C-alpha atoms as a PDB file:
ATOM      1  CA  UNK A   1     -33.887  39.983  55.917  1.00  0.00           C
ATOM      2  CA  UNK A   2     -31.413  41.327  58.473  1.00  0.00           C
ATOM      3  CA  UNK A   3     -29.739  44.331  57.193  1.00  0.00           C
ATOM      4  CA  UNK A   4     -26.281  43.123  58.468  1.00  0.00           C
ATOM      5  CA  UNK A   5     -26.357  40.336  55.746  1.00  0.00           C
ATOM      6  CA  UNK A   6     -24.967  42.965  53.369  1.00  0.00           C
ATOM      7  CA  UNK A   7     -22.050  43.519  55.780  1.00  0.00           C
ATOM      8  CA  UNK A   8     -21.381  40.023  56.242  1.00  0.00           C
ATOM      9  CA  UNK A   9     -21.331  39.332  52.554  1.00  0.00           C
ATOM     10  CA  UNK A  10     -18.958  42.235  52.085  1.00  0.00           C
ATOM     11  CA  UNK A  11     -16.595  40.833  54.775  1.00  0.00           C
ATOM     12  CA  UNK A  12     -16.702  37.349  53.370  1.00  0.00           C
ATOM     13  CA  UNK A  13     -15.486  38.771  50.096  1.00  0.00           C
ATOM     14  CA  UNK A  14     -12.637  40.590  51.896  1.00  0.00           C
ATOM     15  CA  UNK A  15     -11.789  37.248  53.615  1.00  0.00           C
ATOM     16  CA  UNK A  16     -11.758  35.361  50.443  1.00  0.00           C
ATOM     17  CA  UNK A  17      -9.146  37.841  48.912  1.00  0.00           C
ATOM     18  CA  UNK A  18      -7.093  37.697  52.128  1.00  0.00           C
ATOM     19  CA  UNK A  19      -7.066  33.877  51.886  1.00  0.00           C
ATOM     20  CA  UNK A  20      -5.889  34.048  48.191  1.00  0.00           C
ATOM     21  CA  UNK A  21      -3.014  36.334  49.272  1.00  0.00           C
ATOM     22  CA  UNK A  22      -2.116  33.939  52.088  1.00  0.00           C
ATOM     23  CA  UNK A  23      -2.350  30.897  49.767  1.00  0.00           C
ATOM     24  CA  UNK A  24      -4.397  29.220  52.353  1.00  0.00           C
ATOM     25  CA  UNK A  25      -6.405  26.352  50.707  1.00  0.00           C
ATOM     26  CA  UNK A  26      -9.325  24.153  51.814  1.00  0.00           C
ATOM     27  CA  UNK A  27      -6.976  21.010  51.898  1.00  0.00           C
ATOM     28  CA  UNK A  28      -4.929  22.872  54.614  1.00  0.00           C
ATOM     29  CA  UNK A  29      -8.160  23.233  56.924  1.00  0.00           C
ATOM     30  CA  UNK A  30     -10.171  20.313  55.941  1.00  0.00           C
ATOM     31  CA  UNK A  31      -8.851  17.304  57.996  1.00  0.00           C
ATOM     32  CA  UNK A  32     -10.293  14.348  59.582  1.00  0.00           C
ATOM     33  CA  UNK A  33     -10.285  16.152  62.963  1.00  0.00           C
ATOM     34  CA  UNK A  34     -11.884  19.157  61.381  1.00  0.00           C
ATOM     35  CA  UNK A  35     -14.643  17.009  59.828  1.00  0.00           C
ATOM     36  CA  UNK A  36     -15.353  15.464  63.269  1.00  0.00           C
ATOM     37  CA  UNK A  37     -15.670  18.989  64.817  1.00  0.00           C
ATOM     38  CA  UNK A  38     -18.311  19.630  62.119  1.00  0.00           C
ATOM     39  CA  UNK A  39     -20.177  16.597  62.594  1.00  0.00           C
ATOM     40  CA  UNK A  40     -20.139  17.341  66.508  1.00  0.00           C
ATOM     41  CA  UNK A  41     -21.506  20.895  65.741  1.00  0.00           C
ATOM     42  CA  UNK A  42     -24.264  19.478  63.624  1.00  0.00           C
ATOM     43  CA  UNK A  43     -25.139  16.928  66.189  1.00  0.00           C
ATOM     44  CA  UNK A  44     -25.309  19.280  69.161  1.00  0.00           C
ATOM     45  CA  UNK A  45     -27.466  21.802  67.183  1.00  0.00           C
ATOM     46  CA  UNK A  46     -29.978  19.238  65.766  1.00  0.00           C
ATOM     47  CA  UNK A  47     -28.826  20.291  62.322  1.00  0.00           C
ATOM     48  CA  UNK A  48     -29.996  19.111  58.882  1.00  0.00           C
ATOM     49  CA  UNK A  49     -29.727  15.540  57.584  1.00  0.00           C
ATOM     50  CA  UNK A  50     -28.140  17.138  54.469  1.00  0.00           C
ATOM     51  CA  UNK A  51     -24.997  17.564  56.545  1.00  0.00           C
ATOM     52  CA  UNK A  52     -24.409  13.932  56.175  1.00  0.00           C
ATOM     53  CA  UNK A  53     -24.304  14.162  52.343  1.00  0.00           C
ATOM     54  CA  UNK A  54     -22.203  17.367  52.279  1.00  0.00           C
ATOM     55  CA  UNK A  55     -19.693  16.249  54.758  1.00  0.00           C
ATOM     56  CA  UNK A  56     -19.197  12.807  53.153  1.00  0.00           C
ATOM     57  CA  UNK A  57     -18.903  14.453  49.732  1.00  0.00           C
ATOM     58  CA  UNK A  58     -16.157  17.009  51.153  1.00  0.00           C
ATOM     59  CA  UNK A  59     -14.317  14.213  52.757  1.00  0.00           C
ATOM     60  CA  UNK A  60     -14.023  12.133  49.512  1.00  0.00           C
ATOM     61  CA  UNK A  61     -13.015  15.218  47.535  1.00  0.00           C
ATOM     62  CA  UNK A  62     -10.326  15.803  50.007  1.00  0.00           C
ATOM     63  CA  UNK A  63      -9.204  12.013  50.125  1.00  0.00           C
ATOM     64  CA  UNK A  64     -10.123  11.849  53.735  1.00  0.00           C
ATOM     65  CA  UNK A  65     -11.528   8.543  55.028  1.00  0.00           C
ATOM     66  CA  UNK A  66     -15.074   9.101  56.505  1.00  0.00           C
ATOM     67  CA  UNK A  67     -18.021   6.870  56.678  1.00  0.00           C
ATOM     68  CA  UNK A  68     -21.689   7.278  57.324  1.00  0.00           C
ATOM     69  CA  UNK A  69     -21.235   5.382  60.546  1.00  0.00           C
ATOM     70  CA  UNK A  70     -18.802   7.900  61.901  1.00  0.00           C
ATOM     71  CA  UNK A  71     -21.867  10.251  62.210  1.00  0.00           C
ATOM     72  CA  UNK A  72     -23.476   8.004  64.622  1.00  0.00           C
ATOM     73  CA  UNK A  73     -20.480   7.289  66.666  1.00  0.00           C
ATOM     74  CA  UNK A  74     -19.909  10.908  67.109  1.00  0.00           C
ATOM     75  CA  UNK A  75     -23.606  11.544  67.747  1.00  0.00           C
ATOM     76  CA  UNK A  76     -23.534   9.045  70.520  1.00  0.00           C
ATOM     77  CA  UNK A  77     -21.096  11.244  72.492  1.00  0.00           C
ATOM     78  CA  UNK A  78     -22.488  14.550  71.778  1.00  0.00           C
ATOM     79  CA  UNK A  79     -25.419  16.109  73.682  1.00  0.00           C
ATOM     80  CA  UNK A  80     -28.206  18.052  71.923  1.00  0.00           C
ATOM     81  CA  UNK A  81     -27.932  21.626  73.287  1.00  0.00           C
ATOM     82  CA  UNK A  82     -29.613  23.821  70.673  1.00  0.00           C
ATOM     83  CA  UNK A  83     -33.299  24.488  70.956  1.00  0.00           C
ATOM     84  CA  UNK A  84     -33.762  25.293  67.371  1.00  0.00           C
ATOM     85  CA  UNK A  85     -36.737  25.007  64.954  1.00  0.00           C
ATOM     86  CA  UNK A  86     -38.436  23.003  63.505  1.00  0.00           C
ATOM     87  CA  UNK A  87     -38.396  20.810  66.633  1.00  0.00           C
ATOM     88  CA  UNK A  88     -37.499  23.631  69.049  1.00  0.00           C
ATOM     89  CA  UNK A  89     -38.491  27.225  69.954  1.00  0.00           C
ATOM     90  CA  UNK A  90     -35.801  29.222  68.334  1.00  0.00           C
ATOM     91  CA  UNK A  91     -34.235  30.257  64.946  1.00  0.00           C
ATOM     92  CA  UNK A  92     -30.747  30.465  63.652  1.00  0.00           C
ATOM     93  CA  UNK A  93     -30.852  34.324  64.036  1.00  0.00           C
ATOM     94  CA  UNK A  94     -31.680  33.722  67.694  1.00  0.00           C
ATOM     95  CA  UNK A  95     -28.637  31.529  68.036  1.00  0.00           C
ATOM     96  CA  UNK A  96     -26.542  34.297  66.488  1.00  0.00           C
ATOM     97  CA  UNK A  97     -27.850  36.712  69.117  1.00  0.00           C
ATOM     98  CA  UNK A  98     -27.273  34.259  71.871  1.00  0.00           C
ATOM     99  CA  UNK A  99     -23.377  34.046  70.992  1.00  0.00           C
ATOM    100  CA  UNK A 100     -23.345  32.332  67.588  1.00  0.00           C
ATOM    101  CA  UNK A 101     -21.506  29.235  66.147  1.00  0.00           C
ATOM    102  CA  UNK A 102     -18.483  30.405  68.357  1.00  0.00           C
ATOM    103  CA  UNK A 103     -20.523  29.604  71.315  1.00  0.00           C
ATOM    104  CA  UNK A 104     -21.482  26.277  70.034  1.00  0.00           C
ATOM    105  CA  UNK A 105     -17.628  25.596  69.636  1.00  0.00           C
ATOM    106  CA  UNK A 106     -17.082  26.735  73.206  1.00  0.00           C
ATOM    107  CA  UNK A 107     -19.670  24.275  74.489  1.00  0.00           C
ATOM    108  CA  UNK A 108     -17.944  21.559  72.508  1.00  0.00           C
ATOM    109  CA  UNK A 109     -14.581  22.615  73.760  1.00  0.00           C
ATOM    110  CA  UNK A 110     -15.888  22.720  77.587  1.00  0.00           C
ATOM    111  CA  UNK A 111     -17.264  19.182  77.011  1.00  0.00           C
ATOM    112  CA  UNK A 112     -13.952  17.806  75.694  1.00  0.00           C
ATOM    113  CA  UNK A 113     -15.663  17.104  72.427  1.00  0.00           C
ATOM    114  CA  UNK A 114     -13.835  19.584  70.134  1.00  0.00           C
ATOM    115  CA  UNK A 115     -10.443  18.893  68.419  1.00  0.00           C
ATOM    116  CA  UNK A 116      -9.233  22.370  69.507  1.00  0.00           C
ATOM    117  CA  UNK A 117      -5.964  22.422  67.439  1.00  0.00           C
ATOM    118  CA  UNK A 118      -7.599  22.527  64.171  1.00  0.00           C
ATOM    119  CA  UNK A 119      -6.912  25.660  61.919  1.00  0.00           C
ATOM    120  CA  UNK A 120      -9.502  28.028  60.763  1.00  0.00           C
ATOM    121  CA  UNK A 121      -9.700  30.680  58.020  1.00  0.00           C
ATOM    122  CA  UNK A 122      -8.914  33.379  60.634  1.00  0.00           C
ATOM    123  CA  UNK A 123      -5.431  32.113  61.150  1.00  0.00           C
ATOM    124  CA  UNK A 124      -6.434  31.062  64.641  1.00  0.00           C
ATOM    125  CA  UNK A 125      -7.385  27.537  65.674  1.00  0.00           C
ATOM    126  CA  UNK A 126     -10.958  26.603  66.425  1.00  0.00           C
ATOM    127  CA  UNK A 127      -9.933  26.277  70.148  1.00  0.00           C
ATOM    128  CA  UNK A 128      -8.637  29.792  70.189  1.00  0.00           C
ATOM    129  CA  UNK A 129     -11.909  31.066  68.572  1.00  0.00           C
ATOM    130  CA  UNK A 130     -14.066  29.018  70.942  1.00  0.00           C
ATOM    131  CA  UNK A 131     -12.174  30.690  74.041  1.00  0.00           C
ATOM    132  CA  UNK A 132     -13.203  34.002  72.628  1.00  0.00           C
ATOM    133  CA  UNK A 133     -16.967  33.240  72.636  1.00  0.00           C
ATOM    134  CA  UNK A 134     -19.260  35.781  74.133  1.00  0.00           C
ATOM    135  CA  UNK A 135     -22.555  34.424  75.485  1.00  0.00           C
ATOM    136  CA  UNK A 136     -25.508  36.804  75.856  1.00  0.00           C
ATOM    137  CA  UNK A 137     -26.703  37.045  79.476  1.00  0.00           C
ATOM    138  CA  UNK A 138     -30.178  35.125  79.935  1.00  0.00           C
ATOM    139  CA  UNK A 139     -30.033  33.527  76.554  1.00  0.00           C
ATOM    140  CA  UNK A 140     -32.070  30.255  76.304  1.00  0.00           C
ATOM    141  CA  UNK A 141     -31.171  29.078  72.886  1.00  0.00           C
ATOM    142  CA  UNK A 142     -28.166  27.014  73.623  1.00  0.00           C
ATOM    143  CA  UNK A 143     -28.344  24.995  76.772  1.00  0.00           C
ATOM    144  CA  UNK A 144     -25.600  24.574  79.339  1.00  0.00           C
ATOM    145  CA  UNK A 145     -23.835  21.235  79.305  1.00  0.00           C
ATOM    146  CA  UNK A 146     -25.357  20.387  82.690  1.00  0.00           C
ATOM    147  CA  UNK A 147     -28.878  20.729  81.127  1.00  0.00           C
ATOM    148  CA  UNK A 148     -29.001  19.241  77.673  1.00  0.00           C
ATOM    149  CA  UNK A 149     -32.120  18.779  75.831  1.00  0.00           C
ATOM    150  CA  UNK A 150     -30.994  15.162  75.061  1.00  0.00           C
ATOM    151  CA  UNK A 151     -27.987  13.222  76.170  1.00  0.00           C
ATOM    152  CA  UNK A 152     -27.050  12.327  72.602  1.00  0.00           C
ATOM    153  CA  UNK A 153     -27.192  14.394  69.457  1.00  0.00           C
ATOM    154  CA  UNK A 154     -29.784  15.183  66.746  1.00  0.00           C
ATOM    155  CA  UNK A 155     -28.819  12.713  63.970  1.00  0.00           C
ATOM    156  CA  UNK A 156     -28.837   8.919  64.036  1.00  0.00           C
ATOM    157  CA  UNK A 157     -27.742   6.311  61.362  1.00  0.00           C
ATOM    158  CA  UNK A 158     -29.981   3.338  60.811  1.00  0.00           C
ATOM    159  CA  UNK A 159     -29.154   0.110  59.078  1.00  0.00           C
ATOM    160  CA  UNK A 160     -31.161  -3.058  58.364  1.00  0.00           C
ATOM    161  CA  UNK A 161     -32.837  -5.161  55.730  1.00  0.00           C
ATOM    162  CA  UNK A 162     -34.364  -2.021  54.210  1.00  0.00           C
ATOM    163  CA  UNK A 163     -31.225  -0.020  54.412  1.00  0.00           C
ATOM    164  CA  UNK A 164     -28.030  -2.175  54.085  1.00  0.00           C
ATOM    165  CA  UNK A 165     -25.733   0.677  53.355  1.00  0.00           C
ATOM    166  CA  UNK A 166     -27.594   3.072  55.966  1.00  0.00           C
ATOM    167  CA  UNK A 167     -29.924   5.784  56.111  1.00  0.00           C
ATOM    168  CA  UNK A 168     -30.209   9.035  58.149  1.00  0.00           C
ATOM    169  CA  UNK A 169     -32.805  10.184  60.883  1.00  0.00           C
ATOM    170  CA  UNK A 170     -33.137  13.404  62.563  1.00  0.00           C
ATOM    171  CA  UNK A 171     -34.238  12.792  66.215  1.00  0.00           C
ATOM    172  CA  UNK A 172     -33.982  16.405  67.218  1.00  0.00           C
ATOM    173  CA  UNK A 173     -37.508  17.652  68.002  1.00  0.00           C
ATOM    174  CA  UNK A 174     -39.363  14.401  68.684  1.00  0.00           C
ATOM    175  CA  UNK A 175     -38.947  11.536  71.053  1.00  0.00           C
ATOM    176  CA  UNK A 176     -40.291   8.697  69.065  1.00  0.00           C
ATOM    177  CA  UNK A 177     -37.928   5.747  69.483  1.00  0.00           C
ATOM    178  CA  UNK A 178     -40.050   2.985  67.851  1.00  0.00           C
ATOM    179  CA  UNK A 179     -42.480   2.720  65.315  1.00  0.00           C
ATOM    180  CA  UNK A 180     -44.311  -0.098  63.373  1.00  0.00           C
ATOM    181  CA  UNK A 181     -46.754   0.287  60.665  1.00  0.00           C
ATOM    182  CA  UNK A 182     -48.125  -0.774  57.280  1.00  0.00           C
ATOM    183  CA  UNK A 183     -46.262   0.738  54.165  1.00  0.00           C
ATOM    184  CA  UNK A 184     -48.018   3.095  51.839  1.00  0.00           C
ATOM    185  CA  UNK A 185     -45.726   2.946  48.723  1.00  0.00           C
ATOM    186  CA  UNK A 186     -45.161   5.702  46.154  1.00  0.00           C
ATOM    187  CA  UNK A 187     -42.721   5.912  43.309  1.00  0.00           C
ATOM    188  CA  UNK A 188     -42.736   9.789  43.061  1.00  0.00           C
ATOM    189  CA  UNK A 189     -42.894  12.602  45.678  1.00  0.00           C
ATOM    190  CA  UNK A 190     -45.910  14.074  43.806  1.00  0.00           C
ATOM    191  CA  UNK A 191     -47.853  10.875  44.282  1.00  0.00           C
ATOM    192  CA  UNK A 192     -47.170  10.786  47.886  1.00  0.00           C
ATOM    193  CA  UNK A 193     -48.284  14.442  48.176  1.00  0.00           C
ATOM    194  CA  UNK A 194     -51.471  13.774  46.464  1.00  0.00           C
ATOM    195  CA  UNK A 195     -52.237  10.736  48.931  1.00  0.00           C
ATOM    196  CA  UNK A 196     -51.638  13.022  51.859  1.00  0.00           C
ATOM    197  CA  UNK A 197     -53.818  15.745  50.529  1.00  0.00           C
ATOM    198  CA  UNK A 198     -56.648  13.356  49.696  1.00  0.00           C
ATOM    199  CA  UNK A 199     -56.447  11.793  53.237  1.00  0.00           C
ATOM    200  CA  UNK A 200     -55.268   8.416  51.987  1.00  0.00           C
ATOM    201  CA  UNK A 201     -52.611   8.361  54.656  1.00  0.00           C
ATOM    202  CA  UNK A 202     -53.962   7.385  58.275  1.00  0.00           C
ATOM    203  CA  UNK A 203     -52.362   7.453  61.651  1.00  0.00           C
ATOM    204  CA  UNK A 204     -49.875   4.515  61.986  1.00  0.00           C
ATOM    205  CA  UNK A 205     -48.822   4.301  58.242  1.00  0.00           C
ATOM    206  CA  UNK A 206     -45.357   4.394  57.134  1.00  0.00           C
ATOM    207  CA  UNK A 207     -45.065   6.458  53.829  1.00  0.00           C
ATOM    208  CA  UNK A 208     -42.488   4.982  51.419  1.00  0.00           C
ATOM    209  CA  UNK A 209     -41.176   7.283  48.611  1.00  0.00           C
ATOM    210  CA  UNK A 210     -38.768   5.555  46.254  1.00  0.00           C
ATOM    211  CA  UNK A 211     -36.984   6.301  42.898  1.00  0.00           C
ATOM    212  CA  UNK A 212     -36.091   9.816  44.302  1.00  0.00           C
ATOM    213  CA  UNK A 213     -32.300   9.053  45.192  1.00  0.00           C
ATOM    214  CA  UNK A 214     -29.229  10.451  43.597  1.00  0.00           C
ATOM    215  CA  UNK A 215     -29.421   8.430  40.417  1.00  0.00           C
ATOM    216  CA  UNK A 216     -33.268   7.648  40.492  1.00  0.00           C
ATOM    217  CA  UNK A 217     -34.333  11.363  40.949  1.00  0.00           C
ATOM    218  CA  UNK A 218     -32.080  12.154  39.677  1.00  0.00           C
ATOM    219  CA  UNK A 219     -30.587  14.510  42.214  1.00  0.00           C
ATOM    220  CA  UNK A 220     -32.142  13.548  45.502  1.00  0.00           C
ATOM    221  CA  UNK A 221     -35.110  16.069  45.631  1.00  0.00           C
ATOM    222  CA  UNK A 222     -36.038  17.418  49.033  1.00  0.00           C
ATOM    223  CA  UNK A 223     -39.300  15.833  50.323  1.00  0.00           C
ATOM    224  CA  UNK A 224     -40.331  19.000  51.988  1.00  0.00           C
ATOM    225  CA  UNK A 225     -43.736  19.269  50.330  1.00  0.00           C
ATOM    226  CA  UNK A 226     -44.720  15.862  51.562  1.00  0.00           C
ATOM    227  CA  UNK A 227     -43.484  16.237  54.997  1.00  0.00           C
ATOM    228  CA  UNK A 228     -44.919  19.609  55.479  1.00  0.00           C
ATOM    229  CA  UNK A 229     -48.292  18.155  54.280  1.00  0.00           C
ATOM    230  CA  UNK A 230     -48.112  15.335  56.756  1.00  0.00           C
ATOM    231  CA  UNK A 231     -47.579  17.777  59.629  1.00  0.00           C
ATOM    232  CA  UNK A 232     -50.356  20.168  58.130  1.00  0.00           C
ATOM    233  CA  UNK A 233     -52.739  17.087  58.250  1.00  0.00           C
ATOM    234  CA  UNK A 234     -52.146  16.681  61.817  1.00  0.00           C
ATOM    235  CA  UNK A 235     -50.068  13.367  61.408  1.00  0.00           C
ATOM    236  CA  UNK A 236     -46.601  14.718  62.242  1.00  0.00           C
ATOM    237  CA  UNK A 237     -46.328  12.484  65.321  1.00  0.00           C
ATOM    238  CA  UNK A 238     -48.418   9.534  64.151  1.00  0.00           C
ATOM    239  CA  UNK A 239     -47.012   8.873  60.712  1.00  0.00           C
ATOM    240  CA  UNK A 240     -43.506   7.846  59.700  1.00  0.00           C
ATOM    241  CA  UNK A 241     -41.746   8.221  56.245  1.00  0.00           C
ATOM    242  CA  UNK A 242     -38.815   6.603  54.638  1.00  0.00           C
ATOM    243  CA  UNK A 243     -37.271   7.482  51.184  1.00  0.00           C
ATOM    244  CA  UNK A 244     -34.200   7.211  49.131  1.00  0.00           C
ATOM    245  CA  UNK A 245     -34.570  11.075  48.572  1.00  0.00           C
ATOM    246  CA  UNK A 246     -33.618  13.637  51.165  1.00  0.00           C
ATOM    247  CA  UNK A 247     -35.102  16.181  53.448  1.00  0.00           C
ATOM    248  CA  UNK A 248     -34.802  19.866  54.131  1.00  0.00           C
ATOM    249  CA  UNK A 249     -33.646  21.383  57.486  1.00  0.00           C
ATOM    250  CA  UNK A 250     -37.315  22.137  58.150  1.00  0.00           C
ATOM    251  CA  UNK A 251     -38.462  18.462  58.324  1.00  0.00           C
ATOM    252  CA  UNK A 252     -40.302  17.469  61.458  1.00  0.00           C
ATOM    253  CA  UNK A 253     -41.261  13.975  62.797  1.00  0.00           C
ATOM    254  CA  UNK A 254     -39.936  10.404  62.286  1.00  0.00           C
ATOM    255  CA  UNK A 255     -38.489  10.543  58.899  1.00  0.00           C
ATOM    256  CA  UNK A 256     -35.707   8.320  57.385  1.00  0.00           C
ATOM    257  CA  UNK A 257     -33.862   9.711  54.313  1.00  0.00           C
ATOM    258  CA  UNK A 258     -30.929   8.695  52.078  1.00  0.00           C
ATOM    259  CA  UNK A 259     -32.161   5.105  52.320  1.00  0.00           C
ATOM    260  CA  UNK A 260     -29.339   3.048  50.529  1.00  0.00           C
ATOM    261  CA  UNK A 261     -28.987   1.569  48.261  1.00  0.00           C
ATOM    262  CA  UNK A 262     -31.563   3.478  46.361  1.00  0.00           C
ATOM    263  CA  UNK A 263     -34.398   1.720  44.528  1.00  0.00           C
ATOM    264  CA  UNK A 264     -33.157   2.400  41.109  1.00  0.00           C
ATOM    265  CA  UNK A 265     -29.951   0.705  41.982  1.00  0.00           C
ATOM    266  CA  UNK A 266     -31.727  -2.535  43.270  1.00  0.00           C
ATOM    267  CA  UNK A 267     -32.079  -1.463  46.864  1.00  0.00           C
ATOM    268  CA  UNK A 268     -34.381  -3.389  49.141  1.00  0.00           C
ATOM    269  CA  UNK A 269     -36.664  -0.342  49.306  1.00  0.00           C
ATOM    270  CA  UNK A 270     -37.829  -1.174  45.775  1.00  0.00           C
ATOM    271  CA  UNK A 271     -39.106  -4.599  47.042  1.00  0.00           C
ATOM    272  CA  UNK A 272     -41.584  -3.104  49.521  1.00  0.00           C
ATOM    273  CA  UNK A 273     -45.355  -3.328  48.798  1.00  0.00           C
ATOM    274  CA  UNK A 274     -48.392  -1.771  50.242  1.00  0.00           C
ATOM    275  CA  UNK A 275     -49.325  -3.351  53.595  1.00  0.00           C
ATOM    276  CA  UNK A 276     -45.742  -4.674  54.377  1.00  0.00           C
ATOM    277  CA  UNK A 277     -44.884  -4.044  58.042  1.00  0.00           C
ATOM    278  CA  UNK A 278     -42.061  -1.663  58.504  1.00  0.00           C
ATOM    279  CA  UNK A 279     -40.222  -1.122  61.890  1.00  0.00           C
ATOM    280  CA  UNK A 280     -38.123   1.788  63.078  1.00  0.00           C
ATOM    281  CA  UNK A 281     -35.976   1.078  66.120  1.00  0.00           C
ATOM    282  CA  UNK A 282     -33.843   4.138  67.018  1.00  0.00           C
ATOM    283  CA  UNK A 283     -32.240   2.564  70.109  1.00  0.00           C
ATOM    284  CA  UNK A 284     -31.220  -0.511  68.180  1.00  0.00           C
ATOM    285  CA  UNK A 285     -30.308   1.769  65.023  1.00  0.00           C
ATOM    286  CA  UNK A 286     -32.373  -0.430  62.774  1.00  0.00           C
ATOM    287  CA  UNK A 287     -34.954   0.054  59.959  1.00  0.00           C
ATOM    288  CA  UNK A 288     -36.484  -3.104  58.751  1.00  0.00           C
ATOM    289  CA  UNK A 289     -39.352  -4.538  56.800  1.00  0.00           C
ATOM    290  CA  UNK A 290     -40.897  -7.725  58.113  1.00  0.00           C
ATOM    291  CA  UNK A 291     -39.900 -10.004  55.264  1.00  0.00           C
ATOM    292  CA  UNK A 292     -37.260 -12.739  55.049  1.00  0.00           C
ATOM    293  CA  UNK A 293     -34.098 -12.097  52.902  1.00  0.00           C
ATOM    294  CA  UNK A 294     -35.491 -14.809  50.553  1.00  0.00           C
ATOM    295  CA  UNK A 295     -38.631 -12.910  49.993  1.00  0.00           C
ATOM    296  CA  UNK A 296     -36.900  -9.656  49.468  1.00  0.00           C
ATOM    297  CA  UNK A 297     -34.526 -11.198  46.767  1.00  0.00           C
ATOM    298  CA  UNK A 298     -37.354 -12.980  45.031  1.00  0.00           C
ATOM    299  CA  UNK A 299     -39.272  -9.648  44.942  1.00  0.00           C
ATOM    300  CA  UNK A 300     -36.431  -7.687  43.620  1.00  0.00           C
ATOM    301  CA  UNK A 301     -35.877 -10.091  40.916  1.00  0.00           C
ATOM    302  CA  UNK A 302     -39.428  -9.285  39.549  1.00  0.00           C
ATOM    303  CA  UNK A 303     -39.117  -5.548  39.854  1.00  0.00           C
ATOM    304  CA  UNK A 304     -39.725  -3.571  36.653  1.00  0.00           C
ATOM    305  CA  UNK A 305     -37.570  -0.458  36.937  1.00  0.00           C
ATOM    306  CA  UNK A 306     -39.146   2.767  35.620  1.00  0.00           C
ATOM    307  CA  UNK A 307     -37.664   4.233  32.639  1.00  0.00           C
ATOM    308  CA  UNK A 308     -34.977   6.742  33.494  1.00  0.00           C
ATOM    309  CA  UNK A 309     -36.395  10.498  33.656  1.00  0.00           C
ATOM    310  CA  UNK A 310     -33.314  11.710  31.675  1.00  0.00           C
ATOM    311  CA  UNK A 311     -31.232   9.658  29.228  1.00  0.00           C
ATOM    312  CA  UNK A 312     -29.392  12.616  27.748  1.00  0.00           C
ATOM    313  CA  UNK A 313     -27.697  15.811  28.753  1.00  0.00           C
ATOM    314  CA  UNK A 314     -26.289  16.859  32.067  1.00  0.00           C
ATOM    315  CA  UNK A 315     -28.933  15.055  34.052  1.00  0.00           C
ATOM    316  CA  UNK A 316     -28.690  11.930  32.206  1.00  0.00           C
ATOM    317  CA  UNK A 317     -24.890  11.883  32.655  1.00  0.00           C
ATOM    318  CA  UNK A 318     -25.282  12.727  36.496  1.00  0.00           C
ATOM    319  CA  UNK A 319     -27.640   9.849  36.798  1.00  0.00           C
ATOM    320  CA  UNK A 320     -25.357   7.373  35.273  1.00  0.00           C
ATOM    321  CA  UNK A 321     -22.277   8.381  37.207  1.00  0.00           C
ATOM    322  CA  UNK A 322     -23.422   9.574  40.797  1.00  0.00           C
ATOM    323  CA  UNK A 323     -22.661   7.296  43.677  1.00  0.00           C
ATOM    324  CA  UNK A 324     -24.805   6.198  46.565  1.00  0.00           C
ATOM    325  CA  UNK A 325     -26.055   8.638  49.143  1.00  0.00           C
ATOM    326  CA  UNK A 326     -23.945   6.558  51.738  1.00  0.00           C
ATOM    327  CA  UNK A 327     -20.971   7.892  49.951  1.00  0.00           C
ATOM    328  CA  UNK A 328     -21.989  11.388  49.743  1.00  0.00           C
ATOM    329  CA  UNK A 329     -23.783  11.203  46.268  1.00  0.00           C
ATOM    330  CA  UNK A 330     -20.622  12.303  44.421  1.00  0.00           C
ATOM    331  CA  UNK A 331     -20.089  11.738  40.645  1.00  0.00           C
ATOM    332  CA  UNK A 332     -17.468   9.263  39.843  1.00  0.00           C
END
């Protein structure tokens, strides 16, 4: 760990106390425009799909209108500039050495994609902070605007008969725009992991993991073990995956998370059977199963939902009251 982490933690503590003295509160900083700035920063750095959940949840807590589709709208306008792992070459510490998040803000400012007048905890606007960015000479982590990695950002939102409320795909680090393959369906992350380890998953398959959503999980576990196993098996570029659960920032390959509605809430993902053909089309922003709506509805009527993993206590209450991932998986 970088020894400067201790200093950063100490300075953060000082800043918190200063904010209390100034009576500067989150609602004075979190606005629709500041959330759009955050989405643009995630898009240009190829950030985690978890940002979609967190920013939607923050917006709802602050009574700010923000939808999952706003992420895609902003992503279409923002170039992917950061060459960061897992799809790229560099790490977050390399970005810090290159100029940090202030440099990211400067790129967005120069591109006309930053709401510069939004306030920050420093007392200065984000535009003022961006103008003070210092770029390390010769750095290769954050591309210039004239030479982006991709013309659009690192996150896309797909809809379709498998995800009527939407799902999230991280496209930073791979160039796969379409994928069609037979489903291999699992009702738990552990079962999918065993299938990968025992070589039941083959090139061209689409792994479907359900009942891992906000309510079904409950809590949307990360599918990091499965996605890492797929890459470890040499299938990272030849297998797709979709889940009503979520991913970590280290996920690599064509992976659709936060599929909504989730299976436990009667979502179409619950109707998928082994062998059904599933189609990803990134350009068209669709995720579909090659079944008619009539067939999907008929199958859903016959689905026997698994027993809740928790019926009492905090987890039981959470499972009963949590909202859809498309709304930030907040409790209502």
